[in-house]
Amino acid sequence: MSRGSRALCTLYTATALWHAWCTINTLGYAPLWASVLNMAASVVAVIAIVREYDLADERHEVAALREREGRRNAWPGPPPDDGPPLNDREQDAFDQLAAQFDDPRSNAA
């Protein structure tokens, strides 16, 4: 979360607490509509705090996706694949190695 968002959340929290305090103080002494209006204003401040946190999460997610895409594009040429095909000598060596693992006599169970 950025500094500006933190400052806004602090102001929204202070506003919500102020309106809650005003709501409690006006319940028996002022018209009912004033108390309801203060209560609604404190709820609006809480909604604004939730919105700021959602925006911060979205900004963080977009930044992570951009960084991931940048890393992907940092490599020159096409994306890496399985590599060049094996020549006959390399294929024979691989087959011999694979046969050693497939041989049931080599398993000492």
Protein backbone atom coordinates (compact mmCIF):
# COMPACT_ATOMS: atom_id res chain seq x y z
CA MET A 1 0.00 0.00 0.00
CA SER A 2 1.38 3.41 -0.96
CA ARG A 3 1.91 6.29 1.44
CA GLY A 4 -1.00 8.17 -0.08
CA SER A 5 -3.32 5.23 0.44
CA ARG A 6 -2.16 4.85 4.03
CA ALA A 7 -2.78 8.54 4.65
CA LEU A 8 -6.26 8.27 3.12
CA CYS A 9 -7.05 5.22 5.25
CA THR A 10 -5.92 7.11 8.34
CA LEU A 11 -8.16 10.05 7.44
CA TYR A 12 -11.09 7.72 6.67
CA THR A 13 -10.61 5.96 10.02
CA ALA A 14 -10.53 9.28 11.88
CA THR A 15 -13.66 10.41 10.01
CA ALA A 16 -15.49 7.17 10.77
CA LEU A 17 -14.60 7.42 14.47
CA TRP A 18 -15.65 11.08 14.57
CA HIS A 19 -19.01 10.31 12.98
CA ALA A 20 -19.52 7.36 15.34
CA TRP A 21 -18.79 9.61 18.32
CA CYS A 22 -21.20 12.24 16.96
CA THR A 23 -23.86 9.57 16.43
CA ILE A 24 -23.61 8.43 20.03
CA ASN A 25 -23.68 12.00 21.36
CA THR A 26 -26.70 13.10 19.27
CA LEU A 27 -28.93 10.07 19.96
CA GLY A 28 -30.98 11.63 22.74
CA TYR A 29 -30.44 15.34 22.19
CA ALA A 30 -30.77 16.04 18.45
CA PRO A 31 -33.33 15.07 15.84
CA LEU A 32 -33.25 11.43 14.80
CA TRP A 33 -32.32 12.30 11.22
CA ALA A 34 -29.04 13.84 12.44
CA SER A 35 -28.07 10.63 14.22
CA VAL A 36 -28.98 8.53 11.20
CA LEU A 37 -26.99 10.84 8.93
CA ASN A 38 -23.91 10.57 11.16
CA MET A 39 -24.27 6.79 11.27
CA ALA A 40 -24.49 6.63 7.46
CA ALA A 41 -21.45 8.87 7.13
CA SER A 42 -19.40 6.58 9.34
CA VAL A 43 -20.44 3.58 7.22
CA VAL A 44 -19.39 5.44 4.06
CA ALA A 45 -15.94 6.01 5.57
CA VAL A 46 -15.60 2.30 6.31
CA ILE A 47 -16.59 1.49 2.70
CA ALA A 48 -13.90 3.93 1.51
CA ILE A 49 -11.28 2.12 3.62
CA VAL A 50 -12.27 -1.23 2.09
CA ARG A 51 -12.09 0.33 -1.38
CA GLU A 52 -8.57 1.64 -0.73
CA TYR A 53 -7.41 -1.82 0.35
CA ASP A 54 -8.96 -3.38 -2.77
CA LEU A 55 -7.25 -0.80 -4.98
CA ALA A 56 -3.92 -1.49 -3.26
CA ASP A 57 -4.32 -5.23 -3.81
CA GLU A 58 -5.18 -4.65 -7.46
CA ARG A 59 -2.16 -2.37 -7.93
CA HIS A 60 0.07 -5.00 -6.32
CA GLU A 61 -1.33 -7.75 -8.55
CA VAL A 62 -0.86 -5.69 -11.73
CA ALA A 63 2.72 -4.87 -10.72
CA ALA A 64 3.45 -8.56 -10.12
CA LEU A 65 1.99 -9.51 -13.51
CA ARG A 66 4.04 -6.80 -15.24
CA GLU A 67 7.21 -7.99 -13.52
CA ARG A 68 6.49 -11.59 -14.48
CA GLU A 69 5.86 -10.57 -18.09
CA GLY A 70 9.05 -8.52 -18.08
CA ARG A 71 11.07 -11.50 -16.88
CA ARG A 72 9.51 -13.65 -19.58
CA ASN A 73 10.41 -11.10 -22.26
CA ALA A 74 13.96 -10.62 -20.96
CA TRP A 75 15.23 -13.75 -22.73
CA PRO A 76 16.22 -13.17 -26.36
CA GLY A 77 14.67 -15.35 -29.02
CA PRO A 78 11.76 -17.74 -28.76
CA PRO A 79 10.70 -19.20 -25.42
CA PRO A 80 12.77 -22.17 -24.26
CA ASP A 81 11.59 -25.60 -25.35
CA ASP A 82 12.92 -29.12 -24.84
CA GLY A 83 16.15 -28.33 -26.71
CA PRO A 84 17.59 -29.82 -29.87
CA PRO A 85 16.88 -33.47 -30.67
CA LEU A 86 19.40 -36.08 -29.54
CA ASN A 87 21.83 -37.53 -32.07
CA ASP A 88 22.20 -41.33 -32.42
CA ARG A 89 25.09 -41.61 -29.96
CA GLU A 90 23.29 -39.60 -27.27
CA GLN A 91 20.08 -41.56 -27.84
CA ASP A 92 21.95 -44.89 -27.40
CA ALA A 93 23.52 -43.66 -24.15
CA PHE A 94 20.11 -42.54 -22.89
CA ASP A 95 18.51 -45.89 -23.82
CA GLN A 96 21.25 -47.80 -21.96
CA LEU A 97 20.76 -45.65 -18.87
CA ALA A 98 16.98 -46.07 -19.03
CA ALA A 99 17.40 -49.85 -19.44
CA GLN A 100 19.40 -50.00 -16.20
CA PHE A 101 16.49 -48.43 -14.33
CA ASP A 102 13.94 -50.69 -16.00
CA ASP A 103 15.88 -53.90 -15.28
CA PRO A 104 14.15 -55.71 -12.40
CA ARG A 105 17.42 -57.40 -11.37
CA SER A 106 18.95 -54.04 -10.50
CA ASN A 107 16.31 -53.43 -7.81
CA ALA A 108 17.56 -54.74 -4.49
CA ALA A 109 14.35 -55.01 -2.57
